[in-house]
Protein backbone atom coordinates (compact mmCIF):
# COMPACT_ATOMS: atom_id res chain seq x y z
CA UNK A 1 -43.29 41.68 -19.05
CA UNK A 2 -43.53 38.79 -16.82
CA UNK A 3 -42.80 40.44 -13.41
CA UNK A 4 -41.47 36.65 -12.11
CA UNK A 5 -38.90 36.54 -15.20
CA UNK A 6 -36.75 39.51 -13.44
CA UNK A 7 -35.16 39.09 -10.43
CA UNK A 8 -35.44 42.07 -7.98
CA UNK A 9 -33.75 41.01 -5.20
CA UNK A 10 -31.71 43.94 -3.72
CA UNK A 11 -33.27 46.56 -5.85
CA UNK A 12 -33.85 49.76 -3.96
CA UNK A 13 -37.13 51.95 -4.20
CA UNK A 14 -36.02 55.41 -4.71
CA UNK A 15 -39.21 56.87 -5.71
CA UNK A 16 -43.05 55.76 -5.99
CA UNK A 17 -45.13 58.18 -8.58
CA UNK A 18 -48.74 57.99 -9.19
CA UNK A 19 -50.41 59.22 -12.32
CA UNK A 20 -54.01 59.08 -11.23
CA UNK A 21 -55.53 60.02 -14.58
CA UNK A 22 -54.11 57.25 -16.33
CA UNK A 23 -54.09 54.40 -13.62
CA UNK A 24 -50.36 54.11 -13.58
CA UNK A 25 -47.77 53.50 -10.83
CA UNK A 26 -44.24 54.12 -11.39
CA UNK A 27 -41.67 52.99 -9.20
CA UNK A 28 -37.80 54.61 -9.85
CA UNK A 29 -35.52 51.72 -8.62
CA UNK A 30 -31.70 50.98 -8.39
CA UNK A 31 -31.91 47.94 -10.10
CA UNK A 32 -29.01 45.27 -10.28
CA UNK A 33 -27.93 45.31 -13.73
CA UNK A 34 -25.00 43.19 -12.85
CA UNK A 35 -24.67 41.13 -9.62
CA UNK A 36 -21.33 39.82 -9.93
CA UNK A 37 -19.72 43.45 -9.91
CA UNK A 38 -22.54 45.12 -8.09
CA UNK A 39 -23.70 47.19 -10.26
CA UNK A 40 -27.06 49.08 -10.26
CA UNK A 41 -28.81 51.42 -12.74
CA UNK A 42 -31.96 53.23 -12.31
CA UNK A 43 -34.74 51.60 -13.84
CA UNK A 44 -38.53 52.42 -14.13
CA UNK A 45 -40.81 49.71 -12.99
CA UNK A 46 -44.11 51.15 -14.62
CA UNK A 47 -47.86 49.37 -13.72
CA UNK A 48 -50.51 50.04 -16.21
CA UNK A 49 -54.47 50.06 -15.39
CA UNK A 50 -53.57 49.93 -11.46
CA UNK A 51 -56.61 49.01 -9.28
CA UNK A 52 -55.16 48.75 -6.02
CA UNK A 53 -52.05 49.98 -4.33
CA UNK A 54 -51.12 49.49 -0.85
CA UNK A 55 -48.15 50.28 1.26
CA UNK A 56 -47.60 48.54 4.87
CA UNK A 57 -44.32 49.55 5.96
CA UNK A 58 -42.84 50.90 9.23
CA UNK A 59 -41.04 54.15 9.24
CA UNK A 60 -37.68 53.40 8.04
CA UNK A 61 -34.66 55.48 7.36
CA UNK A 62 -33.32 55.10 3.84
CA UNK A 63 -34.69 53.48 0.83
CA UNK A 64 -36.51 50.12 0.97
CA UNK A 65 -34.71 47.10 -0.36
CA UNK A 66 -36.96 44.85 -2.45
CA UNK A 67 -36.24 41.44 -0.69
CA UNK A 68 -38.89 39.06 -2.51
CA UNK A 69 -41.58 39.48 -4.98
CA UNK A 70 -44.75 37.22 -4.88
CA UNK A 71 -47.18 37.05 -7.79
CA UNK A 72 -50.75 35.92 -7.74
CA UNK A 73 -54.31 37.00 -8.83
CA UNK A 74 -56.57 39.27 -7.06
CA UNK A 75 -60.27 38.70 -6.33
CA UNK A 76 -60.97 40.69 -9.48
CA UNK A 77 -58.82 38.94 -11.60
CA UNK A 78 -55.98 41.22 -11.90
CA UNK A 79 -52.32 40.41 -11.94
CA UNK A 80 -51.12 40.90 -8.17
CA UNK A 81 -47.64 41.49 -7.12
CA UNK A 82 -46.39 41.90 -3.62
CA UNK A 83 -42.81 43.51 -2.92
CA UNK A 84 -41.78 42.28 0.50
CA UNK A 85 -38.98 44.97 1.55
CA UNK A 86 -36.83 45.36 4.55
CA UNK A 87 -39.34 47.68 5.81
CA UNK A 88 -42.71 45.83 5.28
CA UNK A 89 -44.72 45.23 2.25
CA UNK A 90 -46.22 46.76 -0.89
CA UNK A 91 -49.25 45.50 -2.98
CA UNK A 92 -50.42 46.28 -6.48
CA UNK A 93 -53.14 44.97 -8.87
CA UNK A 94 -52.60 45.75 -12.30
CA UNK A 95 -52.82 44.44 -15.74
CA UNK A 96 -49.62 45.20 -17.50
CA UNK A 97 -46.37 45.96 -16.34
CA UNK A 98 -42.70 46.97 -17.88
CA UNK A 99 -39.19 47.91 -16.72
CA UNK A 100 -37.55 50.70 -18.68
CA UNK A 101 -34.50 52.61 -18.63
CA UNK A 102 -35.49 56.36 -17.64
CA UNK A 103 -33.76 57.81 -20.37
CA UNK A 104 -36.07 56.07 -22.80
CA UNK A 105 -39.34 56.40 -20.95
CA UNK A 106 -42.25 57.83 -22.53
CA UNK A 107 -44.67 58.64 -19.82
CA UNK A 108 -46.50 62.22 -20.62
CA UNK A 109 -48.36 63.66 -17.85
């Protein structure tokens, strides 16, 4: 999946999970599936082969909401994405990513 092809604006980050031994980061998000009717559903945003993850957010009540997504390439040549949220930002360097329905997720710990 190309992360720039998906609009994450107004998605809420509900949970961030790191699968350390597999270099995977998973974010459970409340994702806008129908903007016009204000319908959101849970999705897992999964990043594989994560080599860097940083959170720079202020103390915040409630779930951070994604306002903007910026893509680039890291110094080591990995894909880099920065999520600007209403609480600050999160940066991830990774090889691949996918957006999956939690009911169809196949992650085995």
